Amino acid sequence: MVKDPLRWVIEALQPQRLLEGDWIQRQVYEALERMQLLSVLAPFEPIVTGTYPLGIHIAGSDVDISCYLPLSGELEQVLLHHFSGYPQFRMLHQEREGIPTLIARWYWGMLPVEVFAQPIPPLEQRAVRHLLIEQFLLEQFPALRLEVRKLKQQGLNTEAAFVHALGIEAEPFSFLYDLSFQPAERILEIVAARQRAG
Protein backbone atom coordinates (compact mmCIF):
# COMPACT_ATOMS: atom_id res chain seq x y z
CA MET A 1 0.00 0.00 0.00
CA VAL A 2 1.24 3.51 -0.80
CA LYS A 3 2.36 5.46 2.26
CA ASP A 4 -0.64 7.29 3.68
CA PRO A 5 0.12 11.05 3.80
CA LEU A 6 -2.45 11.70 6.53
CA ARG A 7 -1.81 8.67 8.72
CA TRP A 8 -0.06 10.93 11.27
CA VAL A 9 -3.34 12.74 11.91
CA ILE A 10 -4.79 9.69 13.67
CA GLU A 11 -2.28 10.24 16.49
CA ALA A 12 -3.86 13.63 17.15
CA LEU A 13 -7.28 12.01 17.41
CA GLN A 14 -6.71 9.41 20.10
CA PRO A 15 -9.73 8.95 22.41
CA GLN A 16 -7.86 10.56 25.33
CA ARG A 17 -8.08 13.83 23.44
CA LEU A 18 -11.78 13.89 24.30
CA LEU A 19 -10.75 14.66 27.89
CA GLU A 20 -9.39 18.01 26.66
CA GLY A 21 -12.73 18.96 25.09
CA ASP A 22 -16.03 20.27 26.40
CA TRP A 23 -18.20 18.50 28.96
CA ILE A 24 -20.00 16.50 26.26
CA GLN A 25 -16.73 15.20 24.83
CA ARG A 26 -15.63 14.25 28.35
CA GLN A 27 -18.97 12.46 28.80
CA VAL A 28 -18.31 10.54 25.57
CA TYR A 29 -14.91 9.48 26.87
CA GLU A 30 -16.49 8.32 30.12
CA ALA A 31 -19.09 6.35 28.17
CA LEU A 32 -16.37 4.63 26.11
CA GLU A 33 -14.51 3.74 29.30
CA ARG A 34 -17.58 2.57 31.21
CA MET A 35 -18.71 0.36 28.31
CA GLN A 36 -15.09 -0.79 27.79
CA LEU A 37 -16.00 -0.39 24.15
CA LEU A 38 -12.53 0.15 22.71
CA SER A 39 -10.92 -2.60 24.78
CA VAL A 40 -13.66 -5.09 23.89
CA LEU A 41 -13.31 -4.20 20.21
CA ALA A 42 -9.49 -4.02 20.27
CA PRO A 43 -9.05 -7.14 18.07
CA PHE A 44 -11.04 -5.34 15.36
CA GLU A 45 -8.87 -2.18 15.21
CA PRO A 46 -11.50 0.34 16.46
CA ILE A 47 -11.15 4.02 15.63
CA VAL A 48 -13.41 6.69 17.14
CA THR A 49 -14.71 8.67 14.17
CA GLY A 50 -17.54 11.16 13.62
CA THR A 51 -17.87 14.59 15.14
CA TYR A 52 -16.73 14.19 18.77
CA PRO A 53 -12.99 13.79 18.11
CA LEU A 54 -13.16 16.84 15.82
CA GLY A 55 -15.05 19.00 18.31
CA ILE A 56 -17.85 19.74 15.82
CA HIS A 57 -20.59 17.73 17.53
CA ILE A 58 -24.11 19.03 17.93
CA ALA A 59 -27.09 17.80 19.95
CA GLY A 60 -27.90 14.21 19.00
CA SER A 61 -24.52 13.39 17.42
CA ASP A 62 -23.64 9.69 17.39
CA VAL A 63 -20.60 8.19 19.06
CA ASP A 64 -19.16 6.53 15.94
CA ILE A 65 -16.68 3.65 15.92
CA SER A 66 -15.15 2.19 12.75
CA CYS A 67 -13.83 -1.38 12.90
CA TYR A 68 -12.48 -4.20 10.81
CA LEU A 69 -15.10 -6.84 9.99
CA PRO A 70 -13.80 -10.42 9.77
CA LEU A 71 -16.07 -12.62 7.70
CA SER A 72 -15.95 -15.30 10.40
CA GLY A 73 -18.83 -13.72 12.32
CA GLU A 74 -16.60 -13.09 15.32
CA LEU A 75 -17.42 -9.38 15.58
CA GLU A 76 -21.15 -10.07 15.56
CA GLN A 77 -20.72 -12.52 18.44
CA VAL A 78 -18.67 -10.02 20.44
CA LEU A 79 -21.22 -7.23 19.91
CA LEU A 80 -24.12 -9.46 20.89
CA HIS A 81 -22.34 -10.76 23.99
CA HIS A 82 -21.20 -7.39 25.33
CA PHE A 83 -23.71 -4.82 24.11
CA SER A 84 -27.06 -6.43 23.21
CA GLY A 85 -28.39 -5.58 26.68
CA TYR A 86 -28.16 -1.84 26.04
CA PRO A 87 -31.32 0.11 25.12
CA GLN A 88 -32.47 -0.06 21.50
CA PHE A 89 -29.66 -2.42 20.49
CA ARG A 90 -29.94 -3.52 16.88
CA MET A 91 -27.54 -4.96 14.37
CA LEU A 92 -27.87 -5.22 10.62
CA HIS A 93 -25.92 -6.32 7.58
CA GLN A 94 -25.99 -4.45 4.31
CA GLU A 95 -23.78 -3.56 1.38
CA ARG A 96 -22.23 -0.12 1.03
CA GLU A 97 -20.82 0.48 -2.45
CA GLY A 98 -20.57 -3.28 -2.90
CA ILE A 99 -18.71 -3.82 0.40
CA PRO A 100 -20.26 -6.07 3.10
CA THR A 101 -21.03 -3.85 6.05
CA LEU A 102 -22.10 -4.47 9.63
CA ILE A 103 -23.79 -1.70 11.60
CA ALA A 104 -24.67 -2.03 15.29
CA ARG A 105 -26.49 0.69 17.21
CA TRP A 106 -27.54 1.19 20.81
CA TYR A 107 -27.81 3.90 23.46
CA TRP A 108 -25.62 4.69 26.43
CA GLY A 109 -27.94 6.93 28.42
CA MET A 110 -28.87 9.68 25.97
CA LEU A 111 -25.85 9.03 23.73
CA PRO A 112 -26.48 7.10 20.51
CA VAL A 113 -23.62 4.70 19.73
CA GLU A 114 -22.88 3.25 16.29
CA VAL A 115 -20.29 0.63 15.35
CA PHE A 116 -19.58 0.50 11.62
CA ALA A 117 -17.47 -2.38 10.30
CA GLN A 118 -16.26 -3.54 6.89
CA PRO A 119 -13.78 -6.26 5.79
CA ILE A 120 -11.16 -3.67 4.86
CA PRO A 121 -8.63 -1.96 7.14
CA PRO A 122 -10.29 0.89 9.07
CA LEU A 123 -7.74 3.41 7.78
CA GLU A 124 -9.12 2.76 4.29
CA GLN A 125 -12.78 3.13 5.27
CA ARG A 126 -14.62 6.28 4.22
CA ALA A 127 -15.51 7.41 7.74
CA VAL A 128 -11.86 7.31 8.79
CA ARG A 129 -10.65 8.99 5.60
CA HIS A 130 -13.18 11.76 6.19
CA LEU A 131 -12.03 12.06 9.81
CA LEU A 132 -8.40 12.46 8.74
CA ILE A 133 -9.01 15.08 6.07
CA GLU A 134 -11.47 17.00 8.22
CA GLN A 135 -8.99 17.17 11.11
CA PHE A 136 -6.29 18.34 8.71
CA LEU A 137 -8.57 21.06 7.33
CA LEU A 138 -9.53 22.21 10.83
CA GLU A 139 -5.86 22.58 11.69
CA GLN A 140 -5.20 24.56 8.52
CA PHE A 141 -8.37 26.70 8.72
CA PRO A 142 -9.36 27.05 12.43
CA ALA A 143 -12.34 29.29 11.61
CA LEU A 144 -13.95 26.30 9.87
CA ARG A 145 -14.97 24.71 13.18
CA LEU A 146 -17.55 27.32 14.10
CA GLU A 147 -18.92 27.52 10.55
CA VAL A 148 -19.19 23.74 10.21
CA ARG A 149 -21.06 23.43 13.50
CA LYS A 150 -23.43 26.21 12.45
CA LEU A 151 -24.14 24.49 9.13
CA LYS A 152 -24.70 21.15 10.89
CA GLN A 153 -27.20 22.80 13.20
CA GLN A 154 -28.99 23.99 10.07
CA GLY A 155 -29.31 20.38 8.90
CA LEU A 156 -26.27 19.71 6.70
CA ASN A 157 -24.32 16.51 7.26
CA THR A 158 -20.68 16.84 8.27
CA GLU A 159 -19.13 16.34 4.85
CA ALA A 160 -21.52 18.74 3.13
CA ALA A 161 -20.89 21.30 5.87
CA PHE A 162 -17.12 21.15 5.34
CA VAL A 163 -17.33 21.56 1.58
CA HIS A 164 -19.86 24.37 1.88
CA ALA A 165 -17.82 26.16 4.55
CA LEU A 166 -14.77 26.00 2.29
CA GLY A 167 -16.77 27.60 -0.51
CA ILE A 168 -16.31 24.64 -2.86
CA GLU A 169 -18.88 23.15 -5.20
CA ALA A 170 -18.34 19.40 -5.21
CA GLU A 171 -19.95 16.10 -4.22
CA PRO A 172 -18.85 16.18 -0.55
CA PHE A 173 -18.26 12.50 0.20
CA SER A 174 -16.12 11.63 -2.82
CA PHE A 175 -14.32 15.00 -2.83
CA LEU A 176 -13.15 14.67 0.78
CA TYR A 177 -12.37 10.95 0.40
CA ASP A 178 -10.17 11.55 -2.65
CA LEU A 179 -8.57 14.58 -1.01
CA SER A 180 -7.56 12.49 2.01
CA PHE A 181 -5.02 10.51 -0.04
CA GLN A 182 -3.15 13.61 -1.22
CA PRO A 183 0.03 15.01 0.35
CA ALA A 184 -0.55 17.98 2.65
CA GLU A 185 0.78 20.61 0.25
CA ARG A 186 -1.30 19.19 -2.59
CA ILE A 187 -4.44 19.30 -0.42
CA LEU A 188 -3.97 23.02 0.09
CA GLU A 189 -3.36 23.56 -3.63
CA ILE A 190 -6.52 21.66 -4.57
CA VAL A 191 -8.65 23.52 -2.02
CA ALA A 192 -7.34 26.89 -3.20
CA ALA A 193 -7.94 26.01 -6.85
CA ARG A 194 -11.47 24.77 -6.22
CA GLN A 195 -12.25 27.90 -4.18
CA ARG A 196 -11.10 30.10 -7.07
CA ALA A 197 -13.14 28.04 -9.51
CA GLY A 198 -16.25 28.40 -7.33
C-alpha atoms as a PDB file:
ATOM      1  CA  MET A   1       0.000   0.000   0.000  1.00  0.00           C
ATOM      2  CA  VAL A   2       1.242   3.513  -0.804  1.00  0.00           C
ATOM      3  CA  LYS A   3       2.360   5.461   2.261  1.00  0.00           C
ATOM      4  CA  ASP A   4      -0.636   7.294   3.681  1.00  0.00           C
ATOM      5  CA  PRO A   5       0.120  11.051   3.798  1.00  0.00           C
ATOM      6  CA  LEU A   6      -2.454  11.702   6.529  1.00  0.00           C
ATOM      7  CA  ARG A   7      -1.805   8.671   8.721  1.00  0.00           C
ATOM      8  CA  TRP A   8      -0.056  10.931  11.267  1.00  0.00           C
ATOM      9  CA  VAL A   9      -3.340  12.743  11.908  1.00  0.00           C
ATOM     10  CA  ILE A  10      -4.785   9.689  13.669  1.00  0.00           C
ATOM     11  CA  GLU A  11      -2.276  10.236  16.487  1.00  0.00           C
ATOM     12  CA  ALA A  12      -3.859  13.627  17.152  1.00  0.00           C
ATOM     13  CA  LEU A  13      -7.281  12.007  17.411  1.00  0.00           C
ATOM     14  CA  GLN A  14      -6.706   9.407  20.103  1.00  0.00           C
ATOM     15  CA  PRO A  15      -9.727   8.950  22.408  1.00  0.00           C
ATOM     16  CA  GLN A  16      -7.859  10.556  25.329  1.00  0.00           C
ATOM     17  CA  ARG A  17      -8.080  13.832  23.443  1.00  0.00           C
ATOM     18  CA  LEU A  18     -11.779  13.893  24.304  1.00  0.00           C
ATOM     19  CA  LEU A  19     -10.752  14.664  27.889  1.00  0.00           C
ATOM     20  CA  GLU A  20      -9.394  18.010  26.656  1.00  0.00           C
ATOM     21  CA  GLY A  21     -12.730  18.965  25.095  1.00  0.00           C
ATOM     22  CA  ASP A  22     -16.028  20.271  26.403  1.00  0.00           C
ATOM     23  CA  TRP A  23     -18.203  18.496  28.957  1.00  0.00           C
ATOM     24  CA  ILE A  24     -20.005  16.498  26.258  1.00  0.00           C
ATOM     25  CA  GLN A  25     -16.729  15.198  24.834  1.00  0.00           C
ATOM     26  CA  ARG A  26     -15.631  14.246  28.345  1.00  0.00           C
ATOM     27  CA  GLN A  27     -18.967  12.456  28.796  1.00  0.00           C
ATOM     28  CA  VAL A  28     -18.314  10.541  25.572  1.00  0.00           C
ATOM     29  CA  TYR A  29     -14.910   9.483  26.868  1.00  0.00           C
ATOM     30  CA  GLU A  30     -16.487   8.317  30.122  1.00  0.00           C
ATOM     31  CA  ALA A  31     -19.090   6.354  28.167  1.00  0.00           C
ATOM     32  CA  LEU A  32     -16.374   4.630  26.110  1.00  0.00           C
ATOM     33  CA  GLU A  33     -14.514   3.742  29.299  1.00  0.00           C
ATOM     34  CA  ARG A  34     -17.585   2.568  31.215  1.00  0.00           C
ATOM     35  CA  MET A  35     -18.709   0.363  28.313  1.00  0.00           C
ATOM     36  CA  GLN A  36     -15.087  -0.788  27.788  1.00  0.00           C
ATOM     37  CA  LEU A  37     -16.001  -0.389  24.147  1.00  0.00           C
ATOM     38  CA  LEU A  38     -12.535   0.146  22.711  1.00  0.00           C
ATOM     39  CA  SER A  39     -10.916  -2.595  24.783  1.00  0.00           C
ATOM     40  CA  VAL A  40     -13.662  -5.088  23.891  1.00  0.00           C
ATOM     41  CA  LEU A  41     -13.311  -4.201  20.209  1.00  0.00           C
ATOM     42  CA  ALA A  42      -9.491  -4.021  20.270  1.00  0.00           C
ATOM     43  CA  PRO A  43      -9.052  -7.141  18.070  1.00  0.00           C
ATOM     44  CA  PHE A  44     -11.041  -5.336  15.356  1.00  0.00           C
ATOM     45  CA  GLU A  45      -8.871  -2.178  15.211  1.00  0.00           C
ATOM     46  CA  PRO A  46     -11.497   0.337  16.463  1.00  0.00           C
ATOM     47  CA  ILE A  47     -11.153   4.024  15.631  1.00  0.00           C
ATOM     48  CA  VAL A  48     -13.413   6.686  17.136  1.00  0.00           C
ATOM     49  CA  THR A  49     -14.715   8.671  14.168  1.00  0.00           C
ATOM     50  CA  GLY A  50     -17.535  11.157  13.622  1.00  0.00           C
ATOM     51  CA  THR A  51     -17.866  14.593  15.139  1.00  0.00           C
ATOM     52  CA  TYR A  52     -16.735  14.190  18.766  1.00  0.00           C
ATOM     53  CA  PRO A  53     -12.986  13.792  18.108  1.00  0.00           C
ATOM     54  CA  LEU A  54     -13.155  16.837  15.824  1.00  0.00           C
ATOM     55  CA  GLY A  55     -15.047  19.004  18.310  1.00  0.00           C
ATOM     56  CA  ILE A  56     -17.845  19.741  15.818  1.00  0.00           C
ATOM     57  CA  HIS A  57     -20.589  17.729  17.531  1.00  0.00           C
ATOM     58  CA  ILE A  58     -24.111  19.034  17.929  1.00  0.00           C
ATOM     59  CA  ALA A  59     -27.088  17.795  19.950  1.00  0.00           C
ATOM     60  CA  GLY A  60     -27.897  14.206  18.999  1.00  0.00           C
ATOM     61  CA  SER A  61     -24.520  13.393  17.417  1.00  0.00           C
ATOM     62  CA  ASP A  62     -23.644   9.685  17.392  1.00  0.00           C
ATOM     63  CA  VAL A  63     -20.603   8.186  19.056  1.00  0.00           C
ATOM     64  CA  ASP A  64     -19.157   6.530  15.941  1.00  0.00           C
ATOM     65  CA  ILE A  65     -16.676   3.650  15.920  1.00  0.00           C
ATOM     66  CA  SER A  66     -15.151   2.187  12.755  1.00  0.00           C
ATOM     67  CA  CYS A  67     -13.826  -1.379  12.896  1.00  0.00           C
ATOM     68  CA  TYR A  68     -12.478  -4.203  10.810  1.00  0.00           C
ATOM     69  CA  LEU A  69     -15.099  -6.840   9.990  1.00  0.00           C
ATOM     70  CA  PRO A  70     -13.804 -10.419   9.774  1.00  0.00           C
ATOM     71  CA  LEU A  71     -16.072 -12.619   7.700  1.00  0.00           C
ATOM     72  CA  SER A  72     -15.949 -15.297  10.400  1.00  0.00           C
ATOM     73  CA  GLY A  73     -18.833 -13.725  12.318  1.00  0.00           C
ATOM     74  CA  GLU A  74     -16.600 -13.090  15.324  1.00  0.00           C
ATOM     75  CA  LEU A  75     -17.419  -9.383  15.583  1.00  0.00           C
ATOM     76  CA  GLU A  76     -21.152 -10.074  15.556  1.00  0.00           C
ATOM     77  CA  GLN A  77     -20.717 -12.519  18.437  1.00  0.00           C
ATOM     78  CA  VAL A  78     -18.671 -10.017  20.443  1.00  0.00           C
ATOM     79  CA  LEU A  79     -21.223  -7.232  19.907  1.00  0.00           C
ATOM     80  CA  LEU A  80     -24.119  -9.456  20.895  1.00  0.00           C
ATOM     81  CA  HIS A  81     -22.344 -10.761  23.985  1.00  0.00           C
ATOM     82  CA  HIS A  82     -21.202  -7.394  25.334  1.00  0.00           C
ATOM     83  CA  PHE A  83     -23.713  -4.824  24.107  1.00  0.00           C
ATOM     84  CA  SER A  84     -27.058  -6.428  23.214  1.00  0.00           C
ATOM     85  CA  GLY A  85     -28.390  -5.579  26.678  1.00  0.00           C
ATOM     86  CA  TYR A  86     -28.164  -1.840  26.045  1.00  0.00           C
ATOM     87  CA  PRO A  87     -31.316   0.109  25.124  1.00  0.00           C
ATOM     88  CA  GLN A  88     -32.472  -0.061  21.502  1.00  0.00           C
ATOM     89  CA  PHE A  89     -29.662  -2.418  20.490  1.00  0.00           C
ATOM     90  CA  ARG A  90     -29.938  -3.519  16.880  1.00  0.00           C
ATOM     91  CA  MET A  91     -27.536  -4.958  14.367  1.00  0.00           C
ATOM     92  CA  LEU A  92     -27.872  -5.216  10.620  1.00  0.00           C
ATOM     93  CA  HIS A  93     -25.920  -6.324   7.584  1.00  0.00           C
ATOM     94  CA  GLN A  94     -25.989  -4.446   4.307  1.00  0.00           C
ATOM     95  CA  GLU A  95     -23.784  -3.560   1.378  1.00  0.00           C
ATOM     96  CA  ARG A  96     -22.226  -0.116   1.034  1.00  0.00           C
ATOM     97  CA  GLU A  97     -20.817   0.479  -2.450  1.00  0.00           C
ATOM     98  CA  GLY A  98     -20.572  -3.278  -2.904  1.00  0.00           C
ATOM     99  CA  ILE A  99     -18.714  -3.815   0.398  1.00  0.00           C
ATOM    100  CA  PRO A 100     -20.258  -6.072   3.095  1.00  0.00           C
ATOM    101  CA  THR A 101     -21.031  -3.846   6.050  1.00  0.00           C
ATOM    102  CA  LEU A 102     -22.099  -4.469   9.630  1.00  0.00           C
ATOM    103  CA  ILE A 103     -23.789  -1.703  11.603  1.00  0.00           C
ATOM    104  CA  ALA A 104     -24.668  -2.032  15.289  1.00  0.00           C
ATOM    105  CA  ARG A 105     -26.493   0.690  17.207  1.00  0.00           C
ATOM    106  CA  TRP A 106     -27.542   1.193  20.807  1.00  0.00           C
ATOM    107  CA  TYR A 107     -27.807   3.897  23.461  1.00  0.00           C
ATOM    108  CA  TRP A 108     -25.623   4.695  26.430  1.00  0.00           C
ATOM    109  CA  GLY A 109     -27.944   6.928  28.420  1.00  0.00           C
ATOM    110  CA  MET A 110     -28.875   9.684  25.975  1.00  0.00           C
ATOM    111  CA  LEU A 111     -25.849   9.034  23.729  1.00  0.00           C
ATOM    112  CA  PRO A 112     -26.479   7.097  20.510  1.00  0.00           C
ATOM    113  CA  VAL A 113     -23.619   4.699  19.732  1.00  0.00           C
ATOM    114  CA  GLU A 114     -22.883   3.249  16.293  1.00  0.00           C
ATOM    115  CA  VAL A 115     -20.291   0.626  15.353  1.00  0.00           C
ATOM    116  CA  PHE A 116     -19.583   0.502  11.623  1.00  0.00           C
ATOM    117  CA  ALA A 117     -17.472  -2.377  10.297  1.00  0.00           C
ATOM    118  CA  GLN A 118     -16.256  -3.541   6.890  1.00  0.00           C
ATOM    119  CA  PRO A 119     -13.780  -6.256   5.794  1.00  0.00           C
ATOM    120  CA  ILE A 120     -11.164  -3.666   4.857  1.00  0.00           C
ATOM    121  CA  PRO A 121      -8.626  -1.956   7.141  1.00  0.00           C
ATOM    122  CA  PRO A 122     -10.294   0.887   9.074  1.00  0.00           C
ATOM    123  CA  LEU A 123      -7.742   3.407   7.783  1.00  0.00           C
ATOM    124  CA  GLU A 124      -9.119   2.763   4.288  1.00  0.00           C
ATOM    125  CA  GLN A 125     -12.782   3.128   5.266  1.00  0.00           C
ATOM    126  CA  ARG A 126     -14.615   6.285   4.225  1.00  0.00           C
ATOM    127  CA  ALA A 127     -15.514   7.413   7.744  1.00  0.00           C
ATOM    128  CA  VAL A 128     -11.860   7.308   8.786  1.00  0.00           C
ATOM    129  CA  ARG A 129     -10.647   8.990   5.597  1.00  0.00           C
ATOM    130  CA  HIS A 130     -13.182  11.760   6.192  1.00  0.00           C
ATOM    131  CA  LEU A 131     -12.030  12.061   9.808  1.00  0.00           C
ATOM    132  CA  LEU A 132      -8.400  12.464   8.740  1.00  0.00           C
ATOM    133  CA  ILE A 133      -9.006  15.080   6.066  1.00  0.00           C
ATOM    134  CA  GLU A 134     -11.469  17.000   8.224  1.00  0.00           C
ATOM    135  CA  GLN A 135      -8.994  17.170  11.112  1.00  0.00           C
ATOM    136  CA  PHE A 136      -6.290  18.338   8.712  1.00  0.00           C
ATOM    137  CA  LEU A 137      -8.571  21.055   7.326  1.00  0.00           C
ATOM    138  CA  LEU A 138      -9.534  22.210  10.828  1.00  0.00           C
ATOM    139  CA  GLU A 139      -5.860  22.575  11.685  1.00  0.00           C
ATOM    140  CA  GLN A 140      -5.203  24.564   8.519  1.00  0.00           C
ATOM    141  CA  PHE A 141      -8.367  26.695   8.719  1.00  0.00           C
ATOM    142  CA  PRO A 142      -9.356  27.046  12.427  1.00  0.00           C
ATOM    143  CA  ALA A 143     -12.337  29.286  11.607  1.00  0.00           C
ATOM    144  CA  LEU A 144     -13.952  26.298   9.874  1.00  0.00           C
ATOM    145  CA  ARG A 145     -14.969  24.707  13.180  1.00  0.00           C
ATOM    146  CA  LEU A 146     -17.549  27.324  14.096  1.00  0.00           C
ATOM    147  CA  GLU A 147     -18.923  27.521  10.549  1.00  0.00           C
ATOM    148  CA  VAL A 148     -19.194  23.742  10.206  1.00  0.00           C
ATOM    149  CA  ARG A 149     -21.064  23.427  13.500  1.00  0.00           C
ATOM    150  CA  LYS A 150     -23.429  26.210  12.455  1.00  0.00           C
ATOM    151  CA  LEU A 151     -24.142  24.488   9.133  1.00  0.00           C
ATOM    152  CA  LYS A 152     -24.697  21.154  10.886  1.00  0.00           C
ATOM    153  CA  GLN A 153     -27.196  22.802  13.200  1.00  0.00           C
ATOM    154  CA  GLN A 154     -28.993  23.988  10.067  1.00  0.00           C
ATOM    155  CA  GLY A 155     -29.315  20.378   8.902  1.00  0.00           C
ATOM    156  CA  LEU A 156     -26.274  19.705   6.697  1.00  0.00           C
ATOM    157  CA  ASN A 157     -24.318  16.511   7.258  1.00  0.00           C
ATOM    158  CA  THR A 158     -20.682  16.835   8.272  1.00  0.00           C
ATOM    159  CA  GLU A 159     -19.126  16.341   4.851  1.00  0.00           C
ATOM    160  CA  ALA A 160     -21.520  18.742   3.126  1.00  0.00           C
ATOM    161  CA  ALA A 161     -20.891  21.301   5.869  1.00  0.00           C
ATOM    162  CA  PHE A 162     -17.120  21.154   5.335  1.00  0.00           C
ATOM    163  CA  VAL A 163     -17.333  21.558   1.578  1.00  0.00           C
ATOM    164  CA  HIS A 164     -19.863  24.365   1.875  1.00  0.00           C
ATOM    165  CA  ALA A 165     -17.816  26.159   4.550  1.00  0.00           C
ATOM    166  CA  LEU A 166     -14.766  26.002   2.285  1.00  0.00           C
ATOM    167  CA  GLY A 167     -16.769  27.601  -0.514  1.00  0.00           C
ATOM    168  CA  ILE A 168     -16.309  24.643  -2.855  1.00  0.00           C
ATOM    169  CA  GLU A 169     -18.876  23.155  -5.203  1.00  0.00           C
ATOM    170  CA  ALA A 170     -18.345  19.396  -5.210  1.00  0.00           C
ATOM    171  CA  GLU A 171     -19.950  16.104  -4.224  1.00  0.00           C
ATOM    172  CA  PRO A 172     -18.850  16.177  -0.553  1.00  0.00           C
ATOM    173  CA  PHE A 173     -18.257  12.500   0.196  1.00  0.00           C
ATOM    174  CA  SER A 174     -16.117  11.632  -2.815  1.00  0.00           C
ATOM    175  CA  PHE A 175     -14.318  15.001  -2.835  1.00  0.00           C
ATOM    176  CA  LEU A 176     -13.151  14.666   0.781  1.00  0.00           C
ATOM    177  CA  TYR A 177     -12.370  10.954   0.399  1.00  0.00           C
ATOM    178  CA  ASP A 178     -10.167  11.555  -2.645  1.00  0.00           C
ATOM    179  CA  LEU A 179      -8.568  14.583  -1.010  1.00  0.00           C
ATOM    180  CA  SER A 180      -7.565  12.494   2.011  1.00  0.00           C
ATOM    181  CA  PHE A 181      -5.025  10.514  -0.035  1.00  0.00           C
ATOM    182  CA  GLN A 182      -3.145  13.613  -1.216  1.00  0.00           C
ATOM    183  CA  PRO A 183       0.034  15.011   0.348  1.00  0.00           C
ATOM    184  CA  ALA A 184      -0.550  17.975   2.652  1.00  0.00           C
ATOM    185  CA  GLU A 185       0.780  20.610   0.249  1.00  0.00           C
ATOM    186  CA  ARG A 186      -1.299  19.187  -2.587  1.00  0.00           C
ATOM    187  CA  ILE A 187      -4.440  19.303  -0.417  1.00  0.00           C
ATOM    188  CA  LEU A 188      -3.970  23.020   0.089  1.00  0.00           C
ATOM    189  CA  GLU A 189      -3.360  23.555  -3.630  1.00  0.00           C
ATOM    190  CA  ILE A 190      -6.524  21.659  -4.571  1.00  0.00           C
ATOM    191  CA  VAL A 191      -8.654  23.517  -2.017  1.00  0.00           C
ATOM    192  CA  ALA A 192      -7.340  26.891  -3.198  1.00  0.00           C
ATOM    193  CA  ALA A 193      -7.936  26.010  -6.853  1.00  0.00           C
ATOM    194  CA  ARG A 194     -11.466  24.771  -6.217  1.00  0.00           C
ATOM    195  CA  GLN A 195     -12.250  27.896  -4.181  1.00  0.00           C
ATOM    196  CA  ARG A 196     -11.103  30.095  -7.071  1.00  0.00           C
ATOM    197  CA  ALA A 197     -13.141  28.040  -9.511  1.00  0.00           C
ATOM    198  CA  GLY A 198     -16.250  28.403  -7.331  1.00  0.00           C
END
